[in-house]
Protein backbone atom coordinates (compact mmCIF):
# COMPACT_ATOMS: atom_id res chain seq x y z
CA UNK A 1 -46.77 17.21 34.94
CA UNK A 2 -48.31 14.35 36.88
CA UNK A 3 -50.38 11.74 35.08
CA UNK A 4 -54.13 11.90 35.74
CA UNK A 5 -55.54 9.26 38.09
CA UNK A 6 -59.02 8.95 36.54
CA UNK A 7 -60.32 7.88 33.14
CA UNK A 8 -62.53 10.87 32.34
CA UNK A 9 -61.68 12.78 29.17
CA UNK A 10 -64.24 15.59 29.41
CA UNK A 11 -66.44 17.13 32.09
CA UNK A 12 -69.57 19.13 31.29
CA UNK A 13 -71.53 21.28 33.72
CA UNK A 14 -75.04 22.56 33.14
CA UNK A 15 -75.72 25.68 35.20
CA UNK A 16 -79.41 26.04 36.12
CA UNK A 17 -81.27 29.29 36.88
CA UNK A 18 -81.91 28.24 40.49
CA UNK A 19 -78.15 27.96 41.20
CA UNK A 20 -78.03 24.16 40.95
CA UNK A 21 -75.80 22.23 38.55
CA UNK A 22 -75.81 18.96 36.63
CA UNK A 23 -72.27 17.64 36.16
CA UNK A 24 -71.28 14.83 33.80
CA UNK A 25 -67.83 13.24 33.70
CA UNK A 26 -67.38 11.54 30.31
CA UNK A 27 -65.41 8.30 30.57
CA UNK A 28 -62.75 7.06 28.13
CA UNK A 29 -64.34 3.57 28.10
CA UNK A 30 -67.70 4.79 26.78
CA UNK A 31 -70.94 6.45 27.80
CA UNK A 32 -72.02 3.51 29.98
CA UNK A 33 -69.18 4.47 32.36
CA UNK A 34 -70.06 8.18 32.57
CA UNK A 35 -70.80 9.66 36.00
CA UNK A 36 -73.60 12.24 36.24
CA UNK A 37 -74.88 13.96 39.37
CA UNK A 38 -76.80 17.02 40.49
CA UNK A 39 -75.72 19.52 43.13
CA UNK A 40 -77.64 22.36 44.73
CA UNK A 41 -74.98 25.04 44.60
CA UNK A 42 -71.51 26.01 43.35
CA UNK A 43 -69.71 24.54 46.38
CA UNK A 44 -71.42 21.21 45.84
CA UNK A 45 -70.43 21.23 42.17
CA UNK A 46 -66.79 21.88 43.06
CA UNK A 47 -66.84 19.19 45.77
CA UNK A 48 -68.18 16.70 43.22
CA UNK A 49 -65.51 17.66 40.69
CA UNK A 50 -62.77 17.16 43.28
CA UNK A 51 -64.26 13.85 44.46
CA UNK A 52 -64.45 12.35 40.97
CA UNK A 53 -61.22 13.69 39.47
CA UNK A 54 -58.73 13.73 42.38
CA UNK A 55 -56.60 10.93 43.78
CA UNK A 56 -58.56 9.51 46.75
CA UNK A 57 -56.88 9.34 50.12
CA UNK A 58 -57.00 6.22 52.32
CA UNK A 59 -60.04 7.43 54.27
CA UNK A 60 -62.04 8.03 51.08
CA UNK A 61 -61.07 4.63 49.71
CA UNK A 62 -62.30 2.96 52.92
CA UNK A 63 -65.55 4.96 52.79
CA UNK A 64 -66.12 3.90 49.18
CA UNK A 65 -65.81 0.26 50.29
CA UNK A 66 -68.42 0.88 52.98
CA UNK A 67 -66.00 0.22 55.85
CA UNK A 68 -66.03 3.63 57.52
CA UNK A 69 -63.40 2.60 60.05
CA UNK A 70 -65.24 -0.43 61.47
CA UNK A 71 -63.48 -3.75 62.10
CA UNK A 72 -63.01 -6.03 59.08
CA UNK A 73 -65.29 -8.80 60.42
CA UNK A 74 -68.20 -6.38 60.83
CA UNK A 75 -67.53 -4.79 57.44
CA UNK A 76 -67.57 -8.22 55.77
CA UNK A 77 -70.91 -9.11 57.39
CA UNK A 78 -72.35 -5.74 56.38
CA UNK A 79 -71.24 -6.28 52.79
CA UNK A 80 -72.84 -9.75 52.72
CA UNK A 81 -76.10 -8.31 54.02
CA UNK A 82 -76.11 -5.76 51.19
CA UNK A 83 -75.97 -1.99 51.04
CA UNK A 84 -77.75 0.08 53.64
CA UNK A 85 -80.12 2.84 52.56
CA UNK A 86 -78.55 6.27 52.95
CA UNK A 87 -81.79 8.22 53.17
CA UNK A 88 -80.73 10.40 50.25
């Protein structure tokens, strides 16, 4: 059996009457490190579970850094300027 790649020890999912979900991944290092998010449907809940508990691939790691495939010099300037609003 492969060793897990995340530090969550428990995941809880609240299922709401409207089909949405609230998911919480409980972190080994304490509640301040927990990750909680809402999703509108079952597919979104499963996508969130996979995102937070699976080994990220190179593309996901770059996206998490905010690079999104742009040249390093531009990415560095963007990071200095601060995060961009996502509209979410």
